[in-house]
Structure formats: C-alpha cells, structure tokens
N, C-alpha and C. Protein backbone atom coordinates (compact mmCIF):
# COMPACT_ATOMS: atom_id res chain seq x y z
N MET A 1 40.18 85.70 63.33
CA MET A 1 39.63 85.65 65.06
C MET A 1 37.98 85.03 64.67
N ASN A 2 37.69 85.92 63.70
CA ASN A 2 35.70 85.44 63.60
C ASN A 2 35.70 84.02 62.56
N ARG A 3 34.93 82.95 63.14
CA ARG A 3 35.00 81.73 62.39
C ARG A 3 33.45 81.75 61.76
N ALA A 4 33.27 82.18 60.38
CA ALA A 4 32.48 81.84 59.53
C ALA A 4 31.90 80.43 59.40
N ASP A 5 33.19 79.82 59.81
CA ASP A 5 32.51 78.41 59.09
C ASP A 5 32.19 77.49 60.14
N GLN A 6 31.78 78.06 61.43
CA GLN A 6 31.16 77.38 62.50
C GLN A 6 29.79 77.49 63.00
N SER A 7 28.94 76.31 63.40
CA SER A 7 28.19 77.04 63.85
C SER A 7 27.87 77.97 64.65
N PRO A 8 26.97 79.36 64.88
CA PRO A 8 26.72 80.02 65.87
C PRO A 8 26.44 79.84 67.32
N VAL A 9 26.58 78.01 67.43
CA VAL A 9 26.04 78.05 68.94
C VAL A 9 27.00 77.05 69.34
N ALA A 10 27.25 77.25 70.27
CA ALA A 10 28.86 76.37 71.15
C ALA A 10 28.14 74.96 71.63
N PRO A 11 29.04 74.24 71.98
CA PRO A 11 27.95 73.14 72.97
C PRO A 11 27.73 73.15 74.29
N PRO A 12 26.60 72.73 74.83
CA PRO A 12 26.06 73.49 75.59
C PRO A 12 26.81 73.31 77.00
N ALA A 13 27.40 72.63 77.00
CA ALA A 13 28.27 72.14 78.64
C ALA A 13 29.57 73.09 78.19
N ALA A 14 29.75 73.85 77.37
CA ALA A 14 30.90 74.53 77.43
C ALA A 14 30.28 75.96 77.80
N ARG A 15 31.52 76.48 78.80
CA ARG A 15 31.10 78.13 79.38
C ARG A 15 31.70 78.69 78.71
N ALA A 16 31.47 79.69 78.44
CA ALA A 16 32.29 80.93 77.50
C ALA A 16 31.92 82.03 78.27
N THR A 17 33.26 82.77 77.91
CA THR A 17 33.65 84.29 78.57
C THR A 17 33.74 85.35 77.35
N ILE A 18 32.69 85.88 77.99
CA ILE A 18 32.33 87.57 77.03
C ILE A 18 33.21 88.89 78.37
N VAL A 19 34.28 89.12 77.20
CA VAL A 19 34.97 90.31 77.76
C VAL A 19 34.14 91.37 76.92
N PHE A 20 33.66 92.52 77.86
CA PHE A 20 33.01 93.72 77.82
C PHE A 20 33.79 94.98 78.19
N ASP A 21 33.60 95.67 77.79
CA ASP A 21 33.83 97.12 78.46
C ASP A 21 32.51 97.67 79.84
N GLY A 22 33.73 97.78 80.98
CA GLY A 22 33.05 97.73 82.20
C GLY A 22 32.62 99.18 82.47
N VAL A 23 33.02 99.90 81.79
CA VAL A 23 32.49 101.39 82.16
C VAL A 23 31.74 102.38 81.21
N CYS A 24 31.11 101.43 80.10
CA CYS A 24 29.91 101.73 79.02
C CYS A 24 28.70 101.48 79.28
N LEU A 25 27.96 102.02 79.24
CA LEU A 25 26.56 101.95 79.65
C LEU A 25 26.02 101.23 78.82
N LEU A 26 26.26 101.28 77.63
CA LEU A 26 25.87 100.12 76.76
C LEU A 26 26.11 98.87 76.97
N CYS A 27 27.24 98.79 76.94
CA CYS A 27 27.96 97.18 77.35
C CYS A 27 27.52 96.73 78.78
N ASN A 28 27.25 97.92 79.62
CA ASN A 28 26.57 97.42 81.15
C ASN A 28 24.85 96.47 80.99
N GLY A 29 24.57 97.07 80.01
CA GLY A 29 23.18 97.08 79.78
C GLY A 29 23.07 95.42 78.87
N TRP A 30 24.07 95.41 78.14
CA TRP A 30 24.35 94.07 77.64
C TRP A 30 24.25 92.83 78.40
N VAL A 31 25.26 92.95 79.46
CA VAL A 31 25.60 92.15 80.61
C VAL A 31 24.51 91.82 80.73
N LYS A 32 23.77 92.76 81.39
CA LYS A 32 22.46 92.73 82.39
C LYS A 32 21.29 92.32 81.54
N PHE A 33 21.31 92.33 80.23
CA PHE A 33 20.23 91.28 79.43
C PHE A 33 20.72 90.03 79.76
N LEU A 34 21.78 90.06 79.19
CA LEU A 34 22.91 88.07 79.30
C LEU A 34 22.38 87.56 80.66
N LEU A 35 22.54 88.58 81.45
CA LEU A 35 22.57 87.35 83.25
C LEU A 35 20.86 87.51 83.18
N ARG A 36 20.06 88.16 82.68
CA ARG A 36 18.51 87.91 82.25
C ARG A 36 18.07 86.85 81.87
N HIS A 37 18.72 86.58 80.90
CA HIS A 37 18.45 85.45 79.57
C HIS A 37 19.07 83.88 79.60
N ASP A 38 19.86 84.21 80.67
CA ASP A 38 20.56 83.20 80.02
C ASP A 38 20.84 82.13 81.58
N ARG A 39 19.86 81.34 80.93
CA ARG A 39 19.04 80.69 81.77
C ARG A 39 20.29 79.70 82.36
N HIS A 40 21.00 79.04 81.66
CA HIS A 40 21.62 78.05 81.95
C HIS A 40 23.00 78.16 82.83
N GLY A 41 23.23 79.77 82.57
CA GLY A 41 24.77 80.13 83.39
C GLY A 41 25.57 79.68 82.46
N ARG A 42 25.52 80.04 80.70
CA ARG A 42 26.43 79.55 80.13
C ARG A 42 27.21 80.44 80.07
N TYR A 43 27.13 81.75 79.98
CA TYR A 43 28.38 82.81 79.75
C TYR A 43 28.71 83.34 81.74
N ARG A 44 30.08 83.42 81.45
CA ARG A 44 31.12 84.03 82.50
C ARG A 44 31.46 85.36 81.69
N PHE A 45 31.61 86.43 82.63
CA PHE A 45 32.02 87.82 82.27
C PHE A 45 33.32 88.37 82.80
N ALA A 46 33.88 89.47 81.93
CA ALA A 46 35.39 90.00 82.57
C ALA A 46 35.46 91.36 81.49
N ALA A 47 35.37 92.25 82.92
CA ALA A 47 35.60 93.85 82.51
C ALA A 47 36.79 93.97 81.92
N MET A 48 37.04 94.48 80.73
CA MET A 48 37.87 94.59 79.77
C MET A 48 39.48 95.53 80.95
N GLN A 49 38.71 96.23 81.91
CA GLN A 49 39.42 97.01 82.87
C GLN A 49 40.09 96.24 83.88
N GLY A 50 39.74 94.80 84.01
CA GLY A 50 39.99 94.02 85.20
C GLY A 50 41.55 93.21 84.84
N GLN A 51 41.81 92.45 85.38
CA GLN A 51 43.19 91.86 84.76
C GLN A 51 42.79 90.90 84.13
N ALA A 52 41.63 90.10 84.31
CA ALA A 52 41.53 88.90 83.43
C ALA A 52 40.83 89.41 82.01
N GLY A 53 39.98 90.13 82.06
CA GLY A 53 39.61 90.75 80.60
C GLY A 53 40.70 91.20 79.90
N ARG A 54 41.94 92.04 80.44
CA ARG A 54 42.98 92.57 80.06
C ARG A 54 43.83 91.53 79.25
N ALA A 55 43.68 90.39 80.27
CA ALA A 55 44.75 89.57 80.01
C ALA A 55 44.27 88.42 78.38
N LEU A 56 42.65 88.47 78.73
CA LEU A 56 42.51 87.50 77.59
C LEU A 56 42.09 88.08 76.19
N LEU A 57 41.87 89.84 76.23
CA LEU A 57 42.58 90.54 74.91
C LEU A 57 43.65 90.47 74.37
N GLN A 58 44.77 90.89 75.27
CA GLN A 58 45.89 90.40 74.56
C GLN A 58 45.85 89.29 74.31
N GLN A 59 45.92 87.93 74.74
CA GLN A 59 46.12 86.61 74.22
C GLN A 59 45.05 86.63 72.86
N HIS A 60 44.53 87.47 72.44
CA HIS A 60 43.93 86.94 71.39
C HIS A 60 43.84 88.31 70.45
N GLY A 61 44.92 89.17 70.93
CA GLY A 61 45.44 90.29 69.29
C GLY A 61 44.73 91.25 69.52
N LEU A 62 44.21 92.00 70.63
CA LEU A 62 43.17 92.92 70.97
C LEU A 62 43.93 93.68 72.28
N ASP A 63 44.05 95.20 71.55
CA ASP A 63 44.48 96.02 72.74
C ASP A 63 43.41 96.65 73.60
N PRO A 64 43.98 96.28 74.81
CA PRO A 64 42.89 96.51 76.05
C PRO A 64 42.56 98.11 76.18
N ASP A 65 43.64 98.40 75.99
CA ASP A 65 43.67 100.19 75.80
C ASP A 65 43.22 100.95 74.83
N ASP A 66 42.69 100.47 73.81
CA ASP A 66 41.94 100.65 72.72
C ASP A 66 40.95 99.86 72.02
N PRO A 67 39.87 99.50 72.86
CA PRO A 67 39.02 98.73 72.87
C PRO A 67 37.72 99.32 72.17
N LEU A 68 37.54 98.62 70.88
CA LEU A 68 36.62 99.00 70.10
C LEU A 68 35.37 97.43 69.94
N SER A 69 35.78 96.67 70.66
CA SER A 69 35.12 95.14 70.55
C SER A 69 34.89 94.38 71.56
N PHE A 70 33.87 94.03 72.08
CA PHE A 70 34.17 92.99 73.36
C PHE A 70 34.43 91.58 72.26
N LEU A 71 34.84 90.31 73.22
CA LEU A 71 35.29 89.03 73.16
C LEU A 71 34.72 88.44 73.34
N LEU A 72 34.03 87.52 72.72
CA LEU A 72 34.04 85.92 73.24
C LEU A 72 34.49 85.07 73.20
N VAL A 73 35.05 84.32 73.97
CA VAL A 73 36.16 82.89 73.58
C VAL A 73 35.23 82.07 74.51
N ASP A 74 35.24 80.98 73.92
CA ASP A 74 34.27 79.67 74.20
C ASP A 74 35.64 77.93 73.98
N ALA A 75 34.65 77.08 74.32
CA ALA A 75 35.74 75.96 74.01
C ALA A 75 36.01 75.82 72.38
N THR A 76 35.61 76.32 71.65
CA THR A 76 35.72 76.30 69.99
C THR A 76 36.24 77.55 69.54
N GLY A 77 36.87 78.56 70.00
CA GLY A 77 37.37 79.52 69.55
C GLY A 77 36.78 81.08 70.34
N ALA A 78 37.06 82.13 69.24
CA ALA A 78 37.20 83.41 69.70
C ALA A 78 36.79 84.29 68.82
N TRP A 79 35.91 85.12 69.06
CA TRP A 79 34.73 85.89 68.35
C TRP A 79 34.78 87.47 69.09
N THR A 80 35.02 88.34 67.78
CA THR A 80 35.05 89.77 68.20
C THR A 80 33.76 90.58 66.86
N ASP A 81 33.15 91.56 67.58
CA ASP A 81 32.43 92.03 66.62
C ASP A 81 30.93 91.54 66.16
N SER A 82 30.18 91.62 65.11
CA SER A 82 29.06 91.13 64.92
C SER A 82 28.90 89.80 65.47
N ASP A 83 30.06 88.90 64.65
CA ASP A 83 29.83 87.66 65.10
C ASP A 83 29.95 87.01 65.79
N ALA A 84 30.88 87.58 67.27
CA ALA A 84 30.17 87.49 68.54
C ALA A 84 29.16 87.53 69.42
N ILE A 85 28.48 88.96 68.90
CA ILE A 85 26.84 89.16 69.04
C ILE A 85 26.04 88.03 68.37
N VAL A 86 26.12 87.63 67.41
CA VAL A 86 25.19 86.74 66.69
C VAL A 86 25.16 85.48 67.34
N ARG A 87 26.71 84.95 67.79
CA ARG A 87 27.09 83.73 68.58
C ARG A 87 26.32 83.58 69.80
N VAL A 88 26.78 84.95 70.34
CA VAL A 88 26.06 84.93 72.29
C VAL A 88 24.54 84.85 71.95
N LEU A 89 24.44 85.42 71.26
CA LEU A 89 22.47 85.30 71.11
C LEU A 89 22.15 84.33 71.09
N ALA A 90 22.42 83.45 69.89
CA ALA A 90 22.18 81.82 69.64
C ALA A 90 22.69 81.33 70.45
N GLY A 91 23.60 81.79 71.20
CA GLY A 91 24.07 80.42 72.64
C GLY A 91 22.97 80.79 73.62
N LEU A 92 22.08 81.77 73.86
CA LEU A 92 20.96 81.66 74.22
C LEU A 92 20.12 80.48 74.46
N GLY A 93 19.66 79.85 73.43
CA GLY A 93 18.40 78.91 73.09
C GLY A 93 17.49 79.68 72.83
N GLY A 94 16.39 78.65 72.93
CA GLY A 94 15.08 78.98 72.88
C GLY A 94 15.02 79.80 71.44
N LEU A 95 14.13 81.27 71.32
CA LEU A 95 14.02 82.00 70.05
C LEU A 95 15.19 82.82 69.73
N TRP A 96 16.22 82.69 70.72
CA TRP A 96 17.12 83.30 70.53
C TRP A 96 17.92 82.99 69.64
N GLN A 97 18.11 81.87 68.81
CA GLN A 97 18.69 81.12 68.12
C GLN A 97 18.23 81.55 66.84
N LEU A 98 17.31 81.89 66.61
CA LEU A 98 16.60 82.47 65.42
C LEU A 98 17.68 83.70 64.75
N SER A 99 18.28 84.05 65.96
CA SER A 99 19.35 85.36 65.68
C SER A 99 20.53 85.06 64.52
N GLY A 100 20.68 83.56 64.61
CA GLY A 100 21.47 82.84 63.53
C GLY A 100 21.14 83.31 61.76
N VAL A 101 19.85 83.90 61.86
CA VAL A 101 20.03 84.52 60.49
C VAL A 101 20.54 85.72 59.93
N LEU A 102 20.78 86.27 61.16
CA LEU A 102 21.88 87.50 60.79
C LEU A 102 23.27 87.15 59.96
N ARG A 103 23.37 85.77 59.99
CA ARG A 103 24.45 85.07 59.26
C ARG A 103 24.32 85.76 57.56
N LEU A 104 23.11 85.92 57.39
CA LEU A 104 22.92 85.94 56.12
C LEU A 104 23.17 87.50 55.61
N VAL A 105 23.03 88.14 56.61
CA VAL A 105 24.04 89.65 56.32
C VAL A 105 25.59 89.27 55.96
N PRO A 106 26.19 89.99 55.15
CA PRO A 106 27.83 89.84 54.70
C PRO A 106 28.35 90.50 55.79
N ARG A 107 29.48 89.58 56.60
CA ARG A 107 29.98 90.08 58.08
C ARG A 107 30.62 91.40 57.79
N ARG A 108 30.98 91.75 56.65
CA ARG A 108 31.50 93.46 56.57
C ARG A 108 30.16 94.14 56.68
N VAL A 109 28.90 93.94 56.27
CA VAL A 109 27.88 94.97 56.37
C VAL A 109 27.60 95.25 57.93
N ARG A 110 27.54 93.34 58.40
CA ARG A 110 27.56 93.52 59.95
C ARG A 110 28.39 94.18 60.75
N ASP A 111 29.41 94.49 60.60
CA ASP A 111 30.33 94.39 61.15
C ASP A 111 30.56 96.33 61.24
N LEU A 112 30.18 96.80 60.22
CA LEU A 112 30.25 98.18 59.67
C LEU A 112 29.32 98.83 60.87
N GLY A 113 28.41 98.27 60.86
CA GLY A 113 27.35 98.88 62.09
C GLY A 113 27.75 98.22 63.37
N TYR A 114 28.47 97.77 63.46
CA TYR A 114 29.04 97.23 64.87
C TYR A 114 29.96 98.08 65.02
N ARG A 115 30.52 98.59 64.30
CA ARG A 115 31.93 99.55 64.87
C ARG A 115 31.51 100.88 64.53
N LEU A 116 30.47 101.28 63.98
CA LEU A 116 29.82 102.48 64.16
C LEU A 116 29.18 102.75 65.61
N ILE A 117 28.53 101.35 66.01
CA ILE A 117 28.15 101.96 67.23
C ILE A 117 29.24 101.87 68.55
N ALA A 118 30.28 101.27 68.16
CA ALA A 118 30.97 100.69 69.48
C ALA A 118 31.88 101.81 69.49
N ARG A 119 32.35 102.71 68.08
CA ARG A 119 32.64 104.00 68.11
C ARG A 119 32.41 105.25 69.04
N ASN A 120 30.98 105.29 68.89
CA ASN A 120 29.96 106.23 69.17
C ASN A 120 29.41 105.97 70.45
N ARG A 121 29.78 104.87 71.33
CA ARG A 121 29.21 104.14 72.25
C ARG A 121 28.99 105.03 73.49
N TYR A 122 30.35 105.99 73.59
CA TYR A 122 30.18 106.70 75.20
C TYR A 122 29.53 107.77 74.83
N ARG A 123 29.56 108.83 73.60
CA ARG A 123 28.66 109.41 73.19
C ARG A 123 27.03 109.42 73.31
N TRP A 124 27.11 108.41 72.50
CA TRP A 124 25.33 107.96 72.67
C TRP A 124 24.93 107.30 73.49
N PHE A 125 25.28 106.42 74.76
CA PHE A 125 24.67 105.96 75.47
C PHE A 125 25.42 106.37 76.94
N GLY A 126 26.57 107.18 76.88
CA GLY A 126 27.08 107.32 78.32
C GLY A 126 28.16 106.48 78.90
N ARG A 127 28.80 106.70 79.90
CA ARG A 127 30.04 106.30 80.23
C ARG A 127 30.17 106.05 81.79
N SER A 128 30.39 105.17 82.68
CA SER A 128 30.18 105.15 84.14
C SER A 128 31.76 105.26 84.68
N ASP A 129 31.64 106.19 85.79
CA ASP A 129 32.78 106.44 86.33
C ASP A 129 33.69 105.15 86.84
N HIS A 130 32.82 103.92 86.98
CA HIS A 130 33.24 102.73 88.07
C HIS A 130 32.61 101.54 86.75
N CYS A 131 33.47 100.25 87.38
CA CYS A 131 33.04 99.23 86.32
C CYS A 131 31.61 98.82 87.30
N MET A 132 30.91 98.02 86.55
CA MET A 132 29.47 97.40 87.19
C MET A 132 29.79 96.65 88.40
N LEU A 133 28.82 96.81 89.28
CA LEU A 133 29.31 95.62 90.50
C LEU A 133 27.82 94.40 90.27
N PRO A 134 28.66 93.59 90.14
CA PRO A 134 27.72 92.27 90.18
C PRO A 134 26.99 91.95 91.65
N THR A 135 25.91 91.80 91.62
CA THR A 135 25.31 91.37 92.66
C THR A 135 25.64 90.13 93.48
N PRO A 136 25.35 89.73 94.74
CA PRO A 136 25.90 88.73 94.97
C PRO A 136 25.87 87.41 94.54
N GLU A 137 24.31 87.36 94.25
CA GLU A 137 24.04 85.97 93.22
C GLU A 137 24.53 85.84 92.25
N GLN A 138 25.00 86.83 91.58
CA GLN A 138 25.51 87.11 90.05
C GLN A 138 26.91 87.12 89.92
N HIS A 139 27.78 87.52 91.05
CA HIS A 139 29.40 87.41 91.49
C HIS A 139 30.07 85.98 90.91
N ALA A 140 29.69 84.90 91.21
CA ALA A 140 30.35 83.92 90.75
C ALA A 140 30.52 83.93 88.83
N ARG A 141 29.46 84.67 88.39
CA ARG A 141 29.53 84.81 86.82
C ARG A 141 30.67 85.51 86.88
N PHE A 142 31.18 86.52 86.97
CA PHE A 142 32.29 87.18 87.02
C PHE A 142 33.78 87.13 87.31
N LEU A 143 34.66 87.23 86.37
CA LEU A 143 36.18 86.83 86.72
C LEU A 143 37.08 87.86 87.49
N ASP A 144 36.69 88.98 87.48
CA ASP A 144 37.44 90.01 88.55
C ASP A 144 36.50 90.83 89.15
C-alpha cells in the first residue's frame, strides 16, 4: 500500500481523502492543523467511525475496528503510516514540501515511531466520547 517509488506530492488538482480516528484527540488535532494549513482545500476528511471512512479502510485492506493507522487516498494510490504523513505534509505546499526530506529516513524506522505513537495515542493524548464536529465552513470537506 505504501508507494516509496513515487513523489510525495500528488497532482495539485487531485482531491485527496484522509481517513482518521474521529475520537482520538491527537488525530483531531492533526485534522485541525490540516484545515488551517491546507489553503487550497486539497484534503477531504472521513472519520473511521463513519460509513465513508469504514468503507475506505475496508477497500484498502485495513480493519476499521482495529485502526492503528490513518489512511490517505489520492488519485495515484493509497498510503498509510509515515508515508501518508510525509505525503500529506508535502502536499500542503510551501515550506511543508521540505518534509519530503523525511523520506531519507528508512521507512521501517519512520513506521516504528509512527506505530509507537499510534498504539499509545489514547493514553498519551486522550480520547473523546464523540467524533469531531466540523464548523459550517468546514462541513463540505468532510465525507460523513
């Protein structure tokens, strides 16, 4: 699912979808960060607890009931773990494209760090009883 052979930036016209854990406070912070910095509205969002998010996870071979990764789907493929993080950051444009230098770190090493945080995200950052509710201005960027 990870595509190390392709550029970390998808074509600018492509709309990409990020499937995230809607009850994870760290994940909600990540989505809020992206909403602030994605000036071109490139990313759409789907909580893995919703129908669209569950369907995308299943379609790409991930278990929606045991999510350890978020999923990025764009016009060129699907990515998880640290490859998805690097691709999303680089896709923001501007100085964020420099995050592509993280690809110099072997994926195995990056993914170990990613999985350590993913496994402990509720313990370290907390959990909400319900999914994040987008503002009316943000609503069109969410699939569910």
